[in-house]
Each structure stands twice: as structure tokens, then as C-alpha cells.
Amino acid sequence: MKTVEAELVENRVVVWDIEDSRDLYSEGFFGKPLGVAKPKGRDFDSPLILDLVEALYLLGKGRIRVKRGRGTAGQRELARRCAAEYAGFKEKFAVYRHLRDLGYVVTPGIKFGCDFAVYRHGPGIDHAPFLIQVMRPGDQVTATQMVLSGRLATTVRKQFLIASAGPGTPEYLSFDWWKA
């Protein structure tokens, strides 16, 4: 696969070439086509906007090259920007990378009040069966947090998982909610 040219614009990375945008999006639902709320496959004619986490992942896979001004932004620079932008970036990126490498489609979970929504196949194809909150080993979880997360996940018919990202492979703890 060819390396796609992208450009760092503040806290996003933009793929300006439409064909390259379509290719990246259709490969794994990376990014969001500018101005397209719910894209249908490759059927869009706009640049692709990647968040920094997606861009760092794709850069690490050799799938994109990130221009910054007249030069390029390497993994180290992009990782520094991510760390400044996202609280707990190191742990969140470890979980993102692990799930992507396993073949899942990982999208921001902000609308669900968590870190990630995870799909088996992708938005528009299936619903995200998992909501993931990333925590560091040793972080405390309150009963209130558990109840809020469980109620939300149940309401939207998803399974809530806590991902613990320390050294090594992330570990996942799932919660099932049911009526007696």
C-alpha cells in the first residue's frame, strides 16, 4: 500500500487528496470526511480529517506521511502533540493500537461519555457493541462511576469495558447488566 500525504493543521491531520481520503476511510473507517455526517463507503468528495491518535497510528504503520510547514512531523513530534492534547494519552494510545491491531474499528466515544466506541465491522455496517473507558493500573473506580457507566451502556445497548493499560498488553474488564 502506498504512503498517503497528509498535513498537520493545528490539532488535526488532513488528507487533502480525495482518492487517498477514500482509500484510508474505506480501509478501516479512519477519520471523518469533512462536512459529511454519515459517509456511505467511498461515496464522498471531501478531504479526510484524522484526529491525532488516528494519525499517529497510521504514521506508525507507514500508511501516512505527515507534512508540517515545509518539513515533516515524525512519530516523536506527533506523540508529543498527542500527549499535550489528551489526558492519559500513553494509556489511551496503547488501547487504541491494541484494538486496531486486532482488527476492530475504534472511534472516539465522547458522545457516550467514554474514551472509545468499538465496532467489529464499522459505522454504518454495524452498531458499536463496546464502550471503553481507559484507566491506569491502580486507578480507583467509584460505585457512582460504575452505575453511571452501566446505565448509559444499557440504555444504548452496548457492553461497557474498562481497559487497563500498563506495561504490556492492555487488559479488559467487562460489565454485564441484567434484571433479576
Protein backbone atom coordinates (compact mmCIF):
# COMPACT_ATOMS: atom_id res chain seq x y z
CA MET A 1 0.00 0.00 0.00
CA LYS A 2 1.23 3.45 -0.80
CA THR A 3 2.07 6.09 1.76
CA VAL A 4 -0.53 8.86 1.75
CA GLU A 5 0.41 12.53 2.08
CA ALA A 6 -1.30 14.33 4.96
CA GLU A 7 -0.87 17.74 6.57
CA LEU A 8 -0.75 18.67 10.25
CA VAL A 9 -3.21 21.53 10.81
CA GLU A 10 -3.30 22.57 14.48
CA ASN A 11 -4.62 19.50 16.34
CA ARG A 12 -5.82 17.54 13.31
CA VAL A 13 -4.24 15.87 10.31
CA VAL A 14 -5.85 16.43 6.91
CA VAL A 15 -5.64 14.19 3.86
CA TRP A 16 -6.35 16.63 1.04
CA ASP A 17 -6.30 14.19 -1.89
CA ILE A 18 -9.84 12.86 -2.37
CA GLU A 19 -8.84 9.42 -3.69
CA ASP A 20 -6.37 8.95 -0.82
CA SER A 21 -9.10 10.08 1.60
CA ARG A 22 -11.49 7.50 0.21
CA ASP A 23 -8.82 4.77 0.40
CA LEU A 24 -7.97 5.45 4.06
CA TYR A 25 -11.59 5.72 5.10
CA SER A 26 -12.60 2.52 3.35
CA GLU A 27 -9.63 0.60 4.78
CA GLY A 28 -10.76 0.96 8.37
CA PHE A 29 -13.09 3.92 8.82
CA PHE A 30 -10.18 6.18 9.66
CA GLY A 31 -11.10 9.84 10.09
CA LYS A 32 -14.18 11.76 9.05
CA PRO A 33 -14.78 13.23 5.60
CA LEU A 34 -15.09 17.00 6.01
CA GLY A 35 -18.74 18.06 6.05
CA VAL A 36 -20.13 14.52 5.70
CA ALA A 37 -22.11 13.42 8.76
CA LYS A 38 -22.60 9.75 7.85
CA PRO A 39 -20.46 8.73 4.89
CA LYS A 40 -21.51 5.71 2.87
CA GLY A 41 -18.33 3.87 1.99
CA ARG A 42 -16.17 5.68 -0.55
CA ASP A 43 -19.01 7.91 -1.73
CA PHE A 44 -17.71 11.33 -0.68
CA ASP A 45 -15.82 14.17 -2.34
CA SER A 46 -14.07 15.93 0.52
CA PRO A 47 -10.79 15.85 2.43
CA LEU A 48 -10.44 13.40 5.31
CA ILE A 49 -9.87 14.77 8.82
CA LEU A 50 -7.90 12.48 11.13
CA ASP A 51 -7.59 13.07 14.85
CA LEU A 52 -4.06 12.95 16.27
CA VAL A 53 -4.42 9.42 17.67
CA GLU A 54 -5.52 8.01 14.31
CA ALA A 55 -2.73 9.90 12.56
CA LEU A 56 -0.09 8.60 14.98
CA TYR A 57 -1.34 5.05 14.45
CA LEU A 58 -1.31 5.39 10.65
CA LEU A 59 2.11 7.08 10.74
CA GLY A 60 3.47 4.18 12.78
CA LYS A 61 2.09 1.74 10.21
CA GLY A 62 3.79 3.68 7.39
CA ARG A 63 0.41 4.44 5.89
CA ILE A 64 0.69 8.24 6.03
CA ARG A 65 3.42 10.85 5.86
CA VAL A 66 2.63 14.00 7.83
CA LYS A 67 3.73 17.35 6.42
CA ARG A 68 4.21 20.28 8.76
CA GLY A 69 5.06 23.54 7.02
CA ARG A 70 7.97 22.81 4.72
CA GLY A 71 9.06 19.77 6.67
CA THR A 72 7.52 16.62 8.07
CA ALA A 73 6.25 15.62 11.50
CA GLY A 74 7.64 12.32 12.72
CA GLN A 75 6.23 9.94 15.30
CA ARG A 76 8.03 11.62 18.18
CA GLU A 77 6.61 15.06 17.38
CA LEU A 78 3.11 13.72 16.78
CA ALA A 79 3.26 11.73 20.05
CA ARG A 80 4.30 14.91 21.91
CA ARG A 81 1.32 16.75 20.43
CA CYS A 82 -0.98 13.90 21.41
CA ALA A 83 0.35 13.91 24.98
CA ALA A 84 -0.33 17.66 25.21
CA GLU A 85 -3.85 17.25 23.77
CA TYR A 86 -5.12 14.11 25.55
CA ALA A 87 -5.05 13.36 29.28
CA GLY A 88 -3.71 9.83 29.78
CA PHE A 89 -2.57 9.69 26.16
CA LYS A 90 0.00 6.92 26.61
CA GLU A 91 -2.57 4.50 28.02
CA LYS A 92 -5.30 5.53 25.56
CA PHE A 93 -2.98 5.07 22.59
CA ALA A 94 -1.89 1.63 23.86
CA VAL A 95 -5.55 0.54 23.96
CA TYR A 96 -6.35 2.15 20.59
CA ARG A 97 -3.37 0.47 18.92
CA HIS A 98 -4.14 -2.91 20.52
CA LEU A 99 -7.78 -2.89 19.37
CA ARG A 100 -6.92 -1.65 15.86
CA ASP A 101 -4.22 -4.32 15.53
CA LEU A 102 -6.85 -6.92 16.48
CA GLY A 103 -8.99 -5.68 13.57
CA TYR A 104 -11.58 -3.61 15.44
CA VAL A 105 -12.73 -0.18 14.29
CA VAL A 106 -12.12 2.30 17.10
CA THR A 107 -13.81 5.70 17.16
CA PRO A 108 -13.97 8.47 19.77
CA GLY A 109 -16.54 7.66 22.45
CA ILE A 110 -17.20 11.23 23.51
CA LYS A 111 -20.91 11.10 22.65
CA PHE A 112 -21.20 8.14 25.06
CA GLY A 113 -19.12 9.78 27.78
CA CYS A 114 -16.22 7.35 27.42
CA ASP A 115 -12.91 7.13 25.60
CA PHE A 116 -13.80 4.83 22.69
CA ALA A 117 -16.70 3.20 20.89
CA VAL A 118 -15.53 -0.04 19.28
CA TYR A 119 -17.05 -1.72 16.23
CA ARG A 120 -16.50 -5.19 14.84
CA HIS A 121 -17.07 -4.02 11.25
CA GLY A 122 -17.56 -0.25 11.21
CA PRO A 123 -20.02 2.63 11.47
CA GLY A 124 -22.95 2.23 9.13
CA ILE A 125 -22.32 -1.52 8.89
CA ASP A 126 -22.97 -2.50 12.49
CA HIS A 127 -23.50 -0.77 15.82
CA ALA A 128 -20.58 -0.44 18.20
CA PRO A 129 -21.05 -3.31 20.67
CA PHE A 130 -18.47 -1.94 23.14
CA LEU A 131 -17.86 1.28 25.05
CA ILE A 132 -14.40 1.53 26.56
CA GLN A 133 -13.06 3.66 29.37
CA VAL A 134 -9.27 3.59 29.66
CA MET A 135 -7.72 3.62 33.10
CA ARG A 136 -4.25 3.26 34.52
CA PRO A 137 -3.44 0.27 36.72
CA GLY A 138 -4.25 1.26 40.28
CA ASP A 139 -6.84 3.92 39.37
CA GLN A 140 -9.88 3.85 41.62
CA VAL A 141 -13.40 3.32 40.25
CA THR A 142 -16.24 4.66 42.36
CA ALA A 143 -19.62 2.99 42.71
CA THR A 144 -21.19 6.10 41.17
CA GLN A 145 -18.95 5.85 38.09
CA MET A 146 -19.89 2.20 37.69
CA VAL A 147 -23.62 2.86 37.97
CA LEU A 148 -23.46 5.79 35.52
CA SER A 149 -21.44 3.78 33.02
CA GLY A 150 -23.68 0.76 33.36
CA ARG A 151 -26.89 2.75 32.94
CA LEU A 152 -25.55 4.50 29.85
CA ALA A 153 -24.26 1.29 28.26
CA THR A 154 -27.56 -0.48 28.95
CA THR A 155 -29.58 2.42 27.53
CA VAL A 156 -27.63 2.37 24.25
CA ARG A 157 -27.40 -1.46 24.20
CA LYS A 158 -23.64 -1.72 24.46
CA GLN A 159 -21.24 -3.55 26.71
CA PHE A 160 -19.15 -1.34 28.98
CA LEU A 161 -15.48 -2.25 29.37
CA ILE A 162 -12.67 -0.80 31.41
CA ALA A 163 -9.31 -1.09 29.69
CA SER A 164 -6.29 -1.13 31.96
CA ALA A 165 -3.21 -0.07 30.06
CA GLY A 166 0.02 -0.57 31.91
CA PRO A 167 3.19 -2.19 30.68
CA GLY A 168 2.49 -4.94 28.18
CA THR A 169 -0.80 -5.82 26.54
CA PRO A 170 -3.87 -3.91 27.77
CA GLU A 171 -6.34 -5.91 29.86
CA TYR A 172 -10.12 -5.54 29.65
CA LEU A 173 -12.76 -5.88 32.31
CA SER A 174 -16.36 -6.10 31.09
CA PHE A 175 -19.58 -5.46 32.94
CA ASP A 176 -22.91 -7.06 32.10
CA TRP A 177 -26.08 -5.51 33.45
CA TRP A 178 -29.24 -7.56 33.80
CA LYS A 179 -32.54 -7.55 35.65
CA ALA A 180 -33.26 -10.16 38.26
